[in-house]
N, C-alpha and C. Protein backbone atom coordinates (compact mmCIF):
# COMPACT_ATOMS: atom_id res chain seq x y z
N MET A 1 19.85 14.54 -7.83
CA MET A 1 19.24 13.58 -7.51
C MET A 1 20.45 12.55 -6.49
N SER A 2 19.62 12.50 -5.37
CA SER A 2 20.71 11.76 -4.21
C SER A 2 20.30 10.26 -4.43
N LEU A 3 21.21 9.71 -3.98
CA LEU A 3 21.48 8.14 -4.37
C LEU A 3 22.03 7.42 -2.88
N LEU A 4 21.15 6.17 -2.29
CA LEU A 4 21.77 5.36 -1.36
C LEU A 4 22.32 4.20 -1.91
N LYS A 5 23.63 4.19 -1.60
CA LYS A 5 24.66 3.16 -2.41
C LYS A 5 24.52 2.17 -1.43
N LEU A 6 23.98 0.98 -1.80
CA LEU A 6 24.04 -0.18 -1.14
C LEU A 6 25.10 -1.10 -1.35
N THR A 7 25.70 -1.14 -2.45
CA THR A 7 26.55 -2.20 -3.04
C THR A 7 27.31 -1.40 -4.20
N ARG A 8 28.33 -1.96 -4.69
CA ARG A 8 29.22 -1.15 -5.66
C ARG A 8 28.17 -1.06 -6.76
N LYS A 9 27.35 -2.05 -7.18
CA LYS A 9 26.50 -1.86 -8.46
C LYS A 9 25.10 -1.52 -8.08
N GLN A 10 24.49 -1.53 -6.90
CA GLN A 10 23.32 -1.51 -6.25
C GLN A 10 23.04 0.11 -5.75
N GLU A 11 22.06 1.32 -6.40
CA GLU A 11 22.21 2.52 -5.71
C GLU A 11 20.52 2.33 -5.95
N ILE A 12 19.87 3.10 -4.94
CA ILE A 12 18.36 3.87 -4.95
C ILE A 12 18.15 4.83 -4.76
N ASP A 13 17.34 5.48 -5.51
CA ASP A 13 17.19 6.93 -5.66
C ASP A 13 16.47 7.26 -4.07
N LEU A 14 17.03 8.37 -3.19
CA LEU A 14 16.39 8.24 -2.19
C LEU A 14 15.03 8.96 -2.10
N TYR A 15 14.34 9.60 -2.94
CA TYR A 15 12.95 9.86 -3.26
C TYR A 15 12.23 8.61 -3.46
N GLU A 16 12.62 7.66 -3.96
CA GLU A 16 11.77 6.50 -4.34
C GLU A 16 11.78 5.58 -2.83
N ILE A 17 12.43 5.90 -1.76
CA ILE A 17 12.23 5.15 -0.63
C ILE A 17 11.23 5.62 0.26
N LEU A 18 10.42 4.79 0.81
CA LEU A 18 8.99 5.32 1.57
C LEU A 18 9.55 4.98 2.84
N TYR A 19 9.98 4.02 3.39
CA TYR A 19 10.70 3.68 4.76
C TYR A 19 11.74 2.54 4.65
N LEU A 20 12.50 2.50 5.77
CA LEU A 20 13.38 1.47 5.98
C LEU A 20 13.22 0.65 7.40
N GLU A 21 13.02 -0.61 7.42
CA GLU A 21 12.87 -1.36 8.46
C GLU A 21 14.15 -2.15 9.07
N SER A 22 14.55 -2.56 10.27
CA SER A 22 15.47 -3.16 10.46
C SER A 22 14.79 -4.98 10.91
N ASP A 23 15.80 -5.72 10.31
CA ASP A 23 15.47 -7.32 10.50
C ASP A 23 16.88 -7.62 11.01
N ILE A 24 17.09 -7.70 12.07
CA ILE A 24 18.27 -7.99 12.85
C ILE A 24 19.40 -7.17 12.01
N ASN A 25 20.43 -7.94 11.67
CA ASN A 25 21.38 -7.29 10.82
C ASN A 25 21.40 -7.20 9.17
N TYR A 26 20.24 -6.62 9.00
CA TYR A 26 19.69 -6.57 7.72
C TYR A 26 18.74 -5.60 7.73
N THR A 27 18.82 -4.85 6.69
CA THR A 27 17.62 -3.82 6.60
C THR A 27 16.70 -4.11 5.33
N LYS A 28 15.34 -3.77 5.48
CA LYS A 28 14.64 -4.10 4.10
C LYS A 28 14.00 -2.49 4.04
N ILE A 29 14.42 -2.25 2.82
CA ILE A 29 13.91 -1.00 2.37
C ILE A 29 12.82 -1.36 1.30
N PHE A 30 11.83 -0.27 1.62
CA PHE A 30 10.65 -0.47 0.93
C PHE A 30 10.28 0.94 -0.04
N THR A 31 9.98 0.75 -1.21
CA THR A 31 10.06 2.08 -2.23
C THR A 31 8.63 2.19 -2.57
N LEU A 32 8.71 3.26 -3.40
CA LEU A 32 7.22 3.48 -4.09
C LEU A 32 6.75 2.53 -4.67
N GLU A 33 7.53 1.78 -5.38
CA GLU A 33 6.79 0.52 -6.12
C GLU A 33 5.79 -0.48 -4.95
N ALA A 34 6.34 -0.64 -4.15
CA ALA A 34 5.81 -1.16 -3.03
C ALA A 34 5.17 -2.50 -3.38
N VAL A 35 5.79 -3.17 -4.38
CA VAL A 35 5.57 -4.36 -4.66
C VAL A 35 6.65 -5.33 -4.32
N TYR A 36 7.83 -4.80 -4.35
CA TYR A 36 8.88 -5.74 -3.37
C TYR A 36 9.62 -4.58 -2.66
N SER A 37 10.50 -5.40 -1.79
CA SER A 37 11.40 -4.66 -1.01
C SER A 37 12.95 -5.21 -1.40
N ILE A 38 13.74 -4.35 -0.87
CA ILE A 38 15.16 -4.67 -1.27
C ILE A 38 15.67 -4.85 0.32
N THR A 39 16.45 -6.13 0.46
CA THR A 39 17.20 -6.30 1.60
C THR A 39 18.40 -6.11 1.48
N SER A 40 19.24 -5.34 2.41
CA SER A 40 20.44 -4.93 2.35
C SER A 40 21.13 -5.72 3.66
N ALA A 41 22.19 -6.12 3.61
CA ALA A 41 22.95 -6.67 4.55
C ALA A 41 23.78 -5.58 5.52
N LYS A 42 23.24 -4.68 5.43
CA LYS A 42 23.93 -3.55 6.27
C LYS A 42 22.55 -3.22 7.53
N THR A 43 23.07 -2.70 8.59
CA THR A 43 22.27 -2.67 9.83
C THR A 43 21.65 -1.20 9.33
N LEU A 44 20.40 -1.04 10.20
CA LEU A 44 19.46 0.09 9.74
C LEU A 44 20.53 1.30 10.26
N GLY A 45 21.25 1.18 11.51
CA GLY A 45 22.08 2.43 11.83
C GLY A 45 23.28 3.00 10.72
N THR A 46 23.74 1.70 9.98
CA THR A 46 24.88 2.24 9.11
C THR A 46 24.12 2.86 7.73
N ILE A 47 22.63 2.45 7.14
CA ILE A 47 22.34 3.00 6.22
C ILE A 47 21.63 4.38 6.83
N GLN A 48 21.42 4.46 7.90
CA GLN A 48 20.89 5.88 8.32
C GLN A 48 21.91 6.90 8.36
N GLN A 49 23.19 6.91 8.57
CA GLN A 49 24.38 7.52 8.37
C GLN A 49 24.58 8.14 6.99
N GLN A 50 23.69 7.26 5.88
CA GLN A 50 24.27 7.96 4.75
C GLN A 50 22.93 8.69 3.92
N LEU A 51 22.22 8.71 4.78
CA LEU A 51 20.55 9.28 4.48
C LEU A 51 20.41 10.83 4.78
N ASP A 52 19.78 11.44 4.09
CA ASP A 52 19.42 12.82 4.34
C ASP A 52 18.99 13.19 5.64
N ARG A 53 19.40 13.81 6.45
CA ARG A 53 18.55 13.99 7.82
C ARG A 53 17.46 14.90 7.79
N GLU A 54 17.35 15.81 6.77
CA GLU A 54 16.38 16.39 6.50
C GLU A 54 15.08 15.59 6.27
N LEU A 55 15.21 14.74 5.10
CA LEU A 55 14.34 13.95 4.47
C LEU A 55 13.97 12.73 5.30
N PHE A 56 14.38 11.91 6.03
CA PHE A 56 14.44 10.98 6.81
C PHE A 56 14.33 10.96 8.29
N PHE A 57 13.82 10.36 8.81
CA PHE A 57 13.56 10.52 10.46
C PHE A 57 13.62 9.10 11.18
N ARG A 58 14.19 8.72 12.05
CA ARG A 58 14.13 7.53 12.78
C ARG A 58 12.89 7.74 13.81
N ILE A 59 12.02 6.65 13.62
CA ILE A 59 11.03 6.86 14.30
C ILE A 59 10.62 5.71 15.53
N ASN A 60 11.82 4.92 15.72
CA ASN A 60 11.67 4.11 16.39
C ASN A 60 13.13 3.19 16.36
N ARG A 61 13.39 2.24 17.18
CA ARG A 61 14.73 1.34 17.19
C ARG A 61 14.61 0.64 15.80
N GLY A 62 13.53 0.45 15.05
CA GLY A 62 13.45 -0.37 13.80
C GLY A 62 13.10 0.26 12.98
N GLN A 63 12.44 1.43 12.90
CA GLN A 63 12.07 2.22 11.48
C GLN A 63 12.62 3.34 11.08
N VAL A 64 13.16 3.68 10.19
CA VAL A 64 13.34 5.04 9.82
C VAL A 64 11.92 5.47 8.42
N ILE A 65 11.31 6.35 8.67
CA ILE A 65 10.73 6.93 7.37
C ILE A 65 10.99 8.07 6.57
N ASN A 66 10.49 8.35 5.42
CA ASN A 66 11.02 9.44 4.65
C ASN A 66 9.77 10.31 4.95
N LEU A 67 10.21 11.56 5.32
CA LEU A 67 8.88 12.44 5.56
C LEU A 67 8.53 13.24 4.29
N ASN A 68 9.20 12.85 3.09
CA ASN A 68 8.47 13.49 1.91
C ASN A 68 7.35 12.53 1.82
N HIS A 69 7.05 11.40 2.19
CA HIS A 69 5.87 10.52 1.50
C HIS A 69 5.08 10.35 2.95
N VAL A 70 4.60 11.09 3.72
CA VAL A 70 3.92 11.17 5.07
C VAL A 70 2.70 11.88 4.42
N SER A 71 1.52 11.35 4.51
CA SER A 71 0.40 12.22 3.88
C SER A 71 -0.32 12.91 5.17
N ASN A 72 0.08 12.36 6.34
CA ASN A 72 -0.88 13.14 7.60
C ASN A 72 0.14 12.67 8.85
N TYR A 73 0.11 13.40 9.85
CA TYR A 73 0.47 13.08 11.21
C TYR A 73 -0.67 13.26 12.09
N THR A 74 -0.77 12.53 13.14
CA THR A 74 -1.66 12.66 14.28
C THR A 74 -1.10 12.57 15.32
N LYS A 75 -1.59 13.11 16.60
CA LYS A 75 -0.94 12.94 17.68
C LYS A 75 -1.93 12.11 18.70
N LYS A 76 -1.59 11.00 19.63
CA LYS A 76 -2.53 10.51 20.31
C LYS A 76 -1.93 10.48 21.87
N GLY A 77 -2.29 11.23 22.86
CA GLY A 77 -1.90 11.36 23.76
C GLY A 77 -0.22 11.84 23.85
N SER A 78 0.81 11.05 23.87
CA SER A 78 1.99 11.76 23.82
C SER A 78 2.90 11.02 22.74
N LEU A 79 1.94 10.30 21.82
CA LEU A 79 2.72 9.26 20.58
C LEU A 79 2.15 10.45 19.35
N VAL A 80 3.20 10.25 18.55
CA VAL A 80 2.88 10.74 17.24
C VAL A 80 2.84 9.47 16.11
N ILE A 81 1.58 9.67 15.46
CA ILE A 81 1.31 8.78 14.36
C ILE A 81 1.45 9.13 12.97
N ALA A 82 2.48 8.63 12.13
CA ALA A 82 2.52 8.90 10.90
C ALA A 82 1.84 8.08 9.87
N GLU A 83 1.00 8.48 8.98
CA GLU A 83 0.36 7.54 7.69
C GLU A 83 1.15 8.19 6.52
N MET A 84 1.55 6.94 5.92
CA MET A 84 2.19 6.88 4.72
C MET A 84 1.34 7.42 3.46
N ILE A 85 1.77 7.61 2.17
CA ILE A 85 1.12 7.63 1.13
C ILE A 85 0.09 6.55 0.64
N ASN A 86 1.34 5.49 1.05
CA ASN A 86 0.54 4.19 0.71
C ASN A 86 -0.75 3.54 1.81
N GLY A 87 -0.81 4.13 2.75
CA GLY A 87 -1.60 3.95 3.67
C GLY A 87 -1.15 3.17 4.96
N HIS A 88 0.15 3.14 4.74
CA HIS A 88 0.72 2.53 5.95
C HIS A 88 0.65 3.58 7.24
N GLN A 89 0.65 3.09 8.38
CA GLN A 89 0.74 3.89 9.33
C GLN A 89 1.94 3.52 10.50
N PHE A 90 2.69 4.50 11.03
CA PHE A 90 3.65 4.20 12.02
C PHE A 90 3.47 4.99 13.25
N VAL A 91 4.14 4.28 14.09
CA VAL A 91 3.74 4.86 15.55
C VAL A 91 5.40 5.17 16.04
N PHE A 92 5.37 6.46 16.27
CA PHE A 92 6.78 6.52 16.92
C PHE A 92 6.98 6.36 18.37
N SER A 93 7.85 5.87 18.81
CA SER A 93 8.16 5.82 20.10
C SER A 93 8.09 6.87 21.01
N ARG A 94 8.04 7.06 22.23
CA ARG A 94 7.51 8.35 23.28
C ARG A 94 8.43 9.23 23.07
N ARG A 95 10.00 8.35 22.81
CA ARG A 95 11.19 9.32 22.84
C ARG A 95 11.48 10.02 21.64
N ARG A 96 10.95 9.41 20.72
CA ARG A 96 11.28 9.71 19.26
C ARG A 96 10.13 10.77 18.91
N SER A 97 9.00 10.69 19.41
CA SER A 97 7.71 11.57 19.43
C SER A 97 8.14 12.73 20.01
N LYS A 98 9.14 12.87 21.00
CA LYS A 98 9.34 14.12 21.64
C LYS A 98 10.29 14.78 21.05
N ASP A 99 11.34 14.12 20.24
CA ASP A 99 12.29 14.70 19.54
C ASP A 99 11.76 15.29 17.98
N PHE A 100 10.61 14.40 17.47
CA PHE A 100 9.92 15.10 16.29
C PHE A 100 9.13 16.33 16.63
N GLU A 101 8.55 16.31 17.67
CA GLU A 101 7.53 17.46 17.97
C GLU A 101 8.79 18.49 18.25
N LYS A 102 9.73 18.76 18.89
CA LYS A 102 10.91 19.62 19.12
C LYS A 102 11.62 19.82 17.53
N ARG A 103 11.73 19.21 16.93
CA ARG A 103 12.31 19.33 15.57
C ARG A 103 10.97 20.09 14.52
N GLN A 104 10.08 19.36 14.61
CA GLN A 104 9.23 19.86 13.12
C GLN A 104 7.69 19.95 13.96
N GLY A 105 7.48 19.85 15.11
CA GLY A 105 6.03 20.11 15.58
C GLY A 105 5.08 21.30 14.73
N GLU A 106 5.82 22.46 15.20
CA GLU A 106 5.48 23.66 14.57
C GLU A 106 5.18 23.87 13.04
N PHE A 107 6.11 23.13 12.12
CA PHE A 107 5.98 23.43 11.01
C PHE A 107 4.64 22.42 10.48
N TYR A 108 4.62 21.24 11.04
CA TYR A 108 3.28 20.25 10.62
C TYR A 108 2.16 20.49 11.57
N ASN A 109 2.28 21.50 12.41
CA ASN A 109 1.07 21.71 13.14
C ASN A 109 0.46 20.40 13.65
N LEU A 110 1.18 19.77 14.43
CA LEU A 110 0.57 18.58 15.15
C LEU A 110 -0.42 18.48 15.97
N LYS A 111 -1.60 17.77 16.07
CA LYS A 111 -2.86 17.88 16.46
C LYS A 111 -3.13 16.82 17.48
């Protein structure tokens, strides 16, 4: 079990994280519970350095998603859209769409 350490006393199982969202110098962490979000006084970039690169992907300047909790990928023009298991949809930035396609396009067979 891999854990994301937020403080000395607070850790989150990486599998429980759906996505992370930047809020200036804070990061909101949305989990499978979806009823609450955890706010960390760390920037998204700082937290992203602690995440497994195989599980998490930064889709734009303000969001990182857990690839294990994506139910569907679609492609519209040059953009990639990820739909999470909770129904939320996220649009990749143009640059990140290209990076994602290079990294995993064949595996996910983007349409």
